[in-house]
Amino acid sequence: MLIPTTSPPIPFAQINQQVQERTGQSLSDLQRLILQECWRSSKKTYETIASEHNYSSGYIQQRVAPS
């Protein structure tokens, strides 16, 4: 059996609709970036994503995953 080398497209429209229904807000560009990177590779951390896209990991954690 062949293993696909690419991920299926991210259903941003459906995800954004669910987010809007639950929070009243759309996904931010940063949230979309995090979702996209996690969809492509489950091994990436916030630190890795931040480094690859010129963000600080603290900024990502505060904006996307506040504790």
PDB file of N, CA and C in Angstrom:
ATOM      1  N   MET A   1       0.847  -1.170   0.000  1.00  0.00           N
ATOM      2  CA  MET A   1       0.000   0.000   0.000  1.00  0.00           C
ATOM      3  C   MET A   1       0.896   1.237   0.000  1.00  0.00           C
ATOM      4  N   LEU A   2       0.546   2.202  -0.820  1.00  0.00           N
ATOM      5  CA  LEU A   2       1.287   3.456  -0.881  1.00  0.00           C
ATOM      6  C   LEU A   2       0.791   4.414   0.185  1.00  0.00           C
ATOM      7  N   ILE A   3       1.717   5.116   0.800  1.00  0.00           N
ATOM      8  CA  ILE A   3       1.373   6.130   1.787  1.00  0.00           C
ATOM      9  C   ILE A   3       1.415   7.480   1.095  1.00  0.00           C
ATOM     10  N   PRO A   4       0.341   8.267   1.186  1.00  0.00           N
ATOM     11  CA  PRO A   4       0.347   9.571   0.517  1.00  0.00           C
ATOM     12  C   PRO A   4       1.474  10.451   1.054  1.00  0.00           C
ATOM     13  N   THR A   5       2.096  11.201   0.144  1.00  0.00           N
ATOM     14  CA  THR A   5       3.196  12.080   0.536  1.00  0.00           C
ATOM     15  C   THR A   5       2.719  13.494   0.832  1.00  0.00           C
ATOM     16  N   THR A   6       1.485  13.791   0.526  1.00  0.00           N
ATOM     17  CA  THR A   6       0.949  15.122   0.820  1.00  0.00           C
ATOM     18  C   THR A   6      -0.305  14.986   1.673  1.00  0.00           C
ATOM     19  N   SER A   7      -0.559  16.000   2.444  1.00  0.00           N
ATOM     20  CA  SER A   7      -1.754  16.028   3.278  1.00  0.00           C
ATOM     21  C   SER A   7      -2.945  16.465   2.445  1.00  0.00           C
ATOM     22  N   PRO A   8      -4.132  16.019   2.830  1.00  0.00           N
ATOM     23  CA  PRO A   8      -5.320  16.538   2.141  1.00  0.00           C
ATOM     24  C   PRO A   8      -5.460  18.029   2.439  1.00  0.00           C
ATOM     25  N   PRO A   9      -6.155  18.748   1.577  1.00  0.00           N
ATOM     26  CA  PRO A   9      -6.313  20.187   1.828  1.00  0.00           C
ATOM     27  C   PRO A   9      -7.030  20.446   3.152  1.00  0.00           C
ATOM     28  N   ILE A  10      -6.664  21.541   3.762  1.00  0.00           N
ATOM     29  CA  ILE A  10      -7.279  21.913   5.040  1.00  0.00           C
ATOM     30  C   ILE A  10      -8.643  22.532   4.768  1.00  0.00           C
ATOM     31  N   PRO A  11      -9.684  22.040   5.404  1.00  0.00           N
ATOM     32  CA  PRO A  11     -11.032  22.600   5.185  1.00  0.00           C
ATOM     33  C   PRO A  11     -11.226  23.893   5.990  1.00  0.00           C
ATOM     34  N   PHE A  12     -10.460  24.939   5.614  1.00  0.00           N
ATOM     35  CA  PHE A  12     -10.507  26.194   6.361  1.00  0.00           C
ATOM     36  C   PHE A  12     -11.909  26.774   6.462  1.00  0.00           C
ATOM     37  N   ALA A  13     -12.675  26.705   5.391  1.00  0.00           N
ATOM     38  CA  ALA A  13     -14.019  27.301   5.419  1.00  0.00           C
ATOM     39  C   ALA A  13     -14.889  26.642   6.485  1.00  0.00           C
ATOM     40  N   GLN A  14     -14.858  25.319   6.536  1.00  0.00           N
ATOM     41  CA  GLN A  14     -15.670  24.607   7.519  1.00  0.00           C
ATOM     42  C   GLN A  14     -15.163  24.864   8.942  1.00  0.00           C
ATOM     43  N   ILE A  15     -13.852  24.864   9.104  1.00  0.00           N
ATOM     44  CA  ILE A  15     -13.280  25.107  10.429  1.00  0.00           C
ATOM     45  C   ILE A  15     -13.619  26.526  10.877  1.00  0.00           C
ATOM     46  N   ASN A  16     -13.440  27.481   9.984  1.00  0.00           N
ATOM     47  CA  ASN A  16     -13.736  28.874  10.324  1.00  0.00           C
ATOM     48  C   ASN A  16     -15.209  29.054  10.683  1.00  0.00           C
ATOM     49  N   GLN A  17     -16.085  28.372   9.967  1.00  0.00           N
ATOM     50  CA  GLN A  17     -17.514  28.460  10.265  1.00  0.00           C
ATOM     51  C   GLN A  17     -17.801  27.938  11.675  1.00  0.00           C
ATOM     52  N   GLN A  18     -17.184  26.826  12.035  1.00  0.00           N
ATOM     53  CA  GLN A  18     -17.369  26.278  13.384  1.00  0.00           C
ATOM     54  C   GLN A  18     -16.851  27.245  14.447  1.00  0.00           C
ATOM     55  N   VAL A  19     -15.694  27.841  14.186  1.00  0.00           N
ATOM     56  CA  VAL A  19     -15.120  28.801  15.130  1.00  0.00           C
ATOM     57  C   VAL A  19     -16.049  30.004  15.277  1.00  0.00           C
ATOM     58  N   GLN A  20     -16.559  30.510  14.148  1.00  0.00           N
ATOM     59  CA  GLN A  20     -17.468  31.663  14.191  1.00  0.00           C
ATOM     60  C   GLN A  20     -18.734  31.338  14.973  1.00  0.00           C
ATOM     61  N   GLU A  21     -19.285  30.156  14.763  1.00  0.00           N
ATOM     62  CA  GLU A  21     -20.505  29.775  15.461  1.00  0.00           C
ATOM     63  C   GLU A  21     -20.291  29.681  16.973  1.00  0.00           C
ATOM     64  N   ARG A  22     -19.115  29.241  17.374  1.00  0.00           N
ATOM     65  CA  ARG A  22     -18.846  29.042  18.800  1.00  0.00           C
ATOM     66  C   ARG A  22     -18.304  30.268  19.506  1.00  0.00           C
ATOM     67  N   THR A  23     -17.576  31.131  18.753  1.00  0.00           N
ATOM     68  CA  THR A  23     -16.921  32.262  19.412  1.00  0.00           C
ATOM     69  C   THR A  23     -17.383  33.621  18.913  1.00  0.00           C
ATOM     70  N   GLY A  24     -18.018  33.646  17.734  1.00  0.00           N
ATOM     71  CA  GLY A  24     -18.419  34.916  17.142  1.00  0.00           C
ATOM     72  C   GLY A  24     -17.284  35.608  16.411  1.00  0.00           C
ATOM     73  N   GLN A  25     -16.126  34.932  16.302  1.00  0.00           N
ATOM     74  CA  GLN A  25     -14.965  35.511  15.622  1.00  0.00           C
ATOM     75  C   GLN A  25     -14.429  34.541  14.581  1.00  0.00           C
ATOM     76  N   SER A  26     -13.753  35.096  13.579  1.00  0.00           N
ATOM     77  CA  SER A  26     -13.096  34.281  12.557  1.00  0.00           C
ATOM     78  C   SER A  26     -11.693  33.924  13.012  1.00  0.00           C
ATOM     79  N   LEU A  27     -11.126  32.913  12.371  1.00  0.00           N
ATOM     80  CA  LEU A  27      -9.725  32.577  12.616  1.00  0.00           C
ATOM     81  C   LEU A  27      -8.837  33.738  12.202  1.00  0.00           C
ATOM     82  N   SER A  28      -7.844  34.033  12.998  1.00  0.00           N
ATOM     83  CA  SER A  28      -6.865  35.060  12.624  1.00  0.00           C
ATOM     84  C   SER A  28      -5.857  34.443  11.660  1.00  0.00           C
ATOM     85  N   ASP A  29      -5.073  35.286  11.022  1.00  0.00           N
ATOM     86  CA  ASP A  29      -4.025  34.784  10.126  1.00  0.00           C
ATOM     87  C   ASP A  29      -3.055  33.883  10.883  1.00  0.00           C
ATOM     88  N   LEU A  30      -2.721  34.258  12.104  1.00  0.00           N
ATOM     89  CA  LEU A  30      -1.809  33.450  12.902  1.00  0.00           C
ATOM     90  C   LEU A  30      -2.429  32.103  13.268  1.00  0.00           C
ATOM     91  N   GLN A  31      -3.693  32.093  13.608  1.00  0.00           N
ATOM     92  CA  GLN A  31      -4.374  30.834  13.917  1.00  0.00           C
ATOM     93  C   GLN A  31      -4.412  29.932  12.688  1.00  0.00           C
ATOM     94  N   ARG A  32      -4.656  30.528  11.531  1.00  0.00           N
ATOM     95  CA  ARG A  32      -4.650  29.742  10.287  1.00  0.00           C
ATOM     96  C   ARG A  32      -3.264  29.157  10.020  1.00  0.00           C
ATOM     97  N   LEU A  33      -2.224  29.948  10.274  1.00  0.00           N
ATOM     98  CA  LEU A  33      -0.856  29.481  10.075  1.00  0.00           C
ATOM     99  C   LEU A  33      -0.565  28.289  10.988  1.00  0.00           C
ATOM    100  N   ILE A  34      -0.920  28.398  12.260  1.00  0.00           N
ATOM    101  CA  ILE A  34      -0.687  27.308  13.207  1.00  0.00           C
ATOM    102  C   ILE A  34      -1.455  26.057  12.777  1.00  0.00           C
ATOM    103  N   LEU A  35      -2.701  26.234  12.402  1.00  0.00           N
ATOM    104  CA  LEU A  35      -3.513  25.112  11.940  1.00  0.00           C
ATOM    105  C   LEU A  35      -2.881  24.454  10.716  1.00  0.00           C
ATOM    106  N   GLN A  36      -2.453  25.266   9.771  1.00  0.00           N
ATOM    107  CA  GLN A  36      -1.828  24.755   8.549  1.00  0.00           C
ATOM    108  C   GLN A  36      -0.552  23.971   8.868  1.00  0.00           C
ATOM    109  N   GLU A  37       0.288  24.507   9.718  1.00  0.00           N
ATOM    110  CA  GLU A  37       1.542  23.828  10.054  1.00  0.00           C
ATOM    111  C   GLU A  37       1.296  22.535  10.826  1.00  0.00           C
ATOM    112  N   CYS A  38       0.342  22.543  11.717  1.00  0.00           N
ATOM    113  CA  CYS A  38       0.027  21.329  12.474  1.00  0.00           C
ATOM    114  C   CYS A  38      -0.603  20.269  11.582  1.00  0.00           C
ATOM    115  N   TRP A  39      -1.386  20.703  10.616  1.00  0.00           N
ATOM    116  CA  TRP A  39      -2.026  19.780   9.677  1.00  0.00           C
ATOM    117  C   TRP A  39      -0.964  19.084   8.841  1.00  0.00           C
ATOM    118  N   ARG A  40       0.065  19.820   8.467  1.00  0.00           N
ATOM    119  CA  ARG A  40       1.139  19.262   7.635  1.00  0.00           C
ATOM    120  C   ARG A  40       2.066  18.341   8.420  1.00  0.00           C
ATOM    121  N   SER A  41       2.339  18.679   9.662  1.00  0.00           N
ATOM    122  CA  SER A  41       3.312  17.937  10.440  1.00  0.00           C
ATOM    123  C   SER A  41       2.918  17.951  11.909  1.00  0.00           C
ATOM    124  N   SER A  42       2.543  16.807  12.424  1.00  0.00           N
ATOM    125  CA  SER A  42       2.110  16.755  13.817  1.00  0.00           C
ATOM    126  C   SER A  42       3.276  16.892  14.789  1.00  0.00           C
ATOM    127  N   LYS A  43       4.490  16.917  14.297  1.00  0.00           N
ATOM    128  CA  LYS A  43       5.662  16.984  15.178  1.00  0.00           C
ATOM    129  C   LYS A  43       6.145  18.408  15.424  1.00  0.00           C
ATOM    130  N   LYS A  44       5.568  19.407  14.774  1.00  0.00           N
ATOM    131  CA  LYS A  44       6.035  20.777  14.954  1.00  0.00           C
ATOM    132  C   LYS A  44       5.523  21.361  16.254  1.00  0.00           C
ATOM    133  N   THR A  45       6.399  22.077  16.920  1.00  0.00           N
ATOM    134  CA  THR A  45       6.038  22.774  18.151  1.00  0.00           C
ATOM    135  C   THR A  45       5.790  24.243  17.827  1.00  0.00           C
ATOM    136  N   TYR A  46       5.218  24.962  18.805  1.00  0.00           N
ATOM    137  CA  TYR A  46       5.059  26.403  18.624  1.00  0.00           C
ATOM    138  C   TYR A  46       6.412  27.055  18.378  1.00  0.00           C
ATOM    139  N   GLU A  47       7.440  26.575  19.072  1.00  0.00           N
ATOM    140  CA  GLU A  47       8.778  27.147  18.912  1.00  0.00           C
ATOM    141  C   GLU A  47       9.291  26.968  17.483  1.00  0.00           C
ATOM    142  N   THR A  48       9.085  25.787  16.920  1.00  0.00           N
ATOM    143  CA  THR A  48       9.528  25.522  15.544  1.00  0.00           C
ATOM    144  C   THR A  48       8.762  26.389  14.562  1.00  0.00           C
ATOM    145  N   ILE A  49       7.472  26.449  14.706  1.00  0.00           N
ATOM    146  CA  ILE A  49       6.648  27.254  13.806  1.00  0.00           C
ATOM    147  C   ILE A  49       7.037  28.720  13.923  1.00  0.00           C
ATOM    148  N   ALA A  50       7.231  29.181  15.136  1.00  0.00           N
ATOM    149  CA  ALA A  50       7.625  30.580  15.349  1.00  0.00           C
ATOM    150  C   ALA A  50       8.940  30.870  14.638  1.00  0.00           C
ATOM    151  N   SER A  51       9.908  30.010  14.804  1.00  0.00           N
ATOM    152  CA  SER A  51      11.216  30.203  14.185  1.00  0.00           C
ATOM    153  C   SER A  51      11.124  30.223  12.667  1.00  0.00           C
ATOM    154  N   GLU A  52      10.341  29.328  12.101  1.00  0.00           N
ATOM    155  CA  GLU A  52      10.219  29.233  10.639  1.00  0.00           C
ATOM    156  C   GLU A  52       9.461  30.406  10.024  1.00  0.00           C
ATOM    157  N   HIS A  53       8.640  31.099  10.827  1.00  0.00           N
ATOM    158  CA  HIS A  53       7.795  32.167  10.274  1.00  0.00           C
ATOM    159  C   HIS A  53       8.045  33.525  10.925  1.00  0.00           C
ATOM    160  N   ASN A  54       9.203  33.663  11.549  1.00  0.00           N
ATOM    161  CA  ASN A  54       9.641  34.944  12.131  1.00  0.00           C
ATOM    162  C   ASN A  54       8.711  35.511  13.202  1.00  0.00           C
ATOM    163  N   TYR A  55       8.229  34.623  14.068  1.00  0.00           N
ATOM    164  CA  TYR A  55       7.472  35.023  15.250  1.00  0.00           C
ATOM    165  C   TYR A  55       8.278  34.595  16.467  1.00  0.00           C
ATOM    166  N   SER A  56       7.972  35.162  17.609  1.00  0.00           N
ATOM    167  CA  SER A  56       8.541  34.622  18.842  1.00  0.00           C
ATOM    168  C   SER A  56       7.572  33.560  19.350  1.00  0.00           C
ATOM    169  N   SER A  57       8.109  32.548  20.000  1.00  0.00           N
ATOM    170  CA  SER A  57       7.228  31.487  20.507  1.00  0.00           C
ATOM    171  C   SER A  57       6.301  32.036  21.587  1.00  0.00           C
ATOM    172  N   GLY A  58       6.778  33.018  22.356  1.00  0.00           N
ATOM    173  CA  GLY A  58       5.935  33.636  23.366  1.00  0.00           C
ATOM    174  C   GLY A  58       4.741  34.340  22.753  1.00  0.00           C
ATOM    175  N   TYR A  59       4.953  35.025  21.628  1.00  0.00           N
ATOM    176  CA  TYR A  59       3.857  35.721  20.939  1.00  0.00           C
ATOM    177  C   TYR A  59       2.811  34.708  20.474  1.00  0.00           C
ATOM    178  N   ILE A  60       3.277  33.622  19.886  1.00  0.00           N
ATOM    179  CA  ILE A  60       2.334  32.606  19.412  1.00  0.00           C
ATOM    180  C   ILE A  60       1.557  32.026  20.581  1.00  0.00           C
ATOM    181  N   GLN A  61       2.242  31.708  21.651  1.00  0.00           N
ATOM    182  CA  GLN A  61       1.548  31.129  22.800  1.00  0.00           C
ATOM    183  C   GLN A  61       0.532  32.100  23.397  1.00  0.00           C
ATOM    184  N   GLN A  62       0.852  33.382  23.422  1.00  0.00           N
ATOM    185  CA  GLN A  62      -0.080  34.378  23.967  1.00  0.00           C
ATOM    186  C   GLN A  62      -1.271  34.594  23.042  1.00  0.00           C
ATOM    187  N   ARG A  63      -1.042  34.600  21.735  1.00  0.00           N
ATOM    188  CA  ARG A  63      -2.098  34.928  20.773  1.00  0.00           C
ATOM    189  C   ARG A  63      -2.951  33.724  20.381  1.00  0.00           C
ATOM    190  N   VAL A  64      -2.377  32.528  20.358  1.00  0.00           N
ATOM    191  CA  VAL A  64      -3.088  31.373  19.860  1.00  0.00           C
ATOM    192  C   VAL A  64      -3.484  30.411  20.978  1.00  0.00           C
ATOM    193  N   ALA A  65      -2.631  30.259  21.958  1.00  0.00           N
ATOM    194  CA  ALA A  65      -2.904  29.275  23.010  1.00  0.00           C
ATOM    195  C   ALA A  65      -2.643  29.851  24.396  1.00  0.00           C
ATOM    196  N   PRO A  66      -3.385  30.911  24.755  1.00  0.00           N
ATOM    197  CA  PRO A  66      -3.155  31.471  26.090  1.00  0.00           C
ATOM    198  C   PRO A  66      -3.550  30.461  27.171  1.00  0.00           C
ATOM    199  N   SER A  67      -2.814  30.505  28.240  1.00  0.00           N
ATOM    200  CA  SER A  67      -3.129  29.549  29.321  1.00  0.00           C
ATOM    201  C   SER A  67      -4.090  30.134  30.322  1.00  0.00           C
TER     202      SER A  67
END
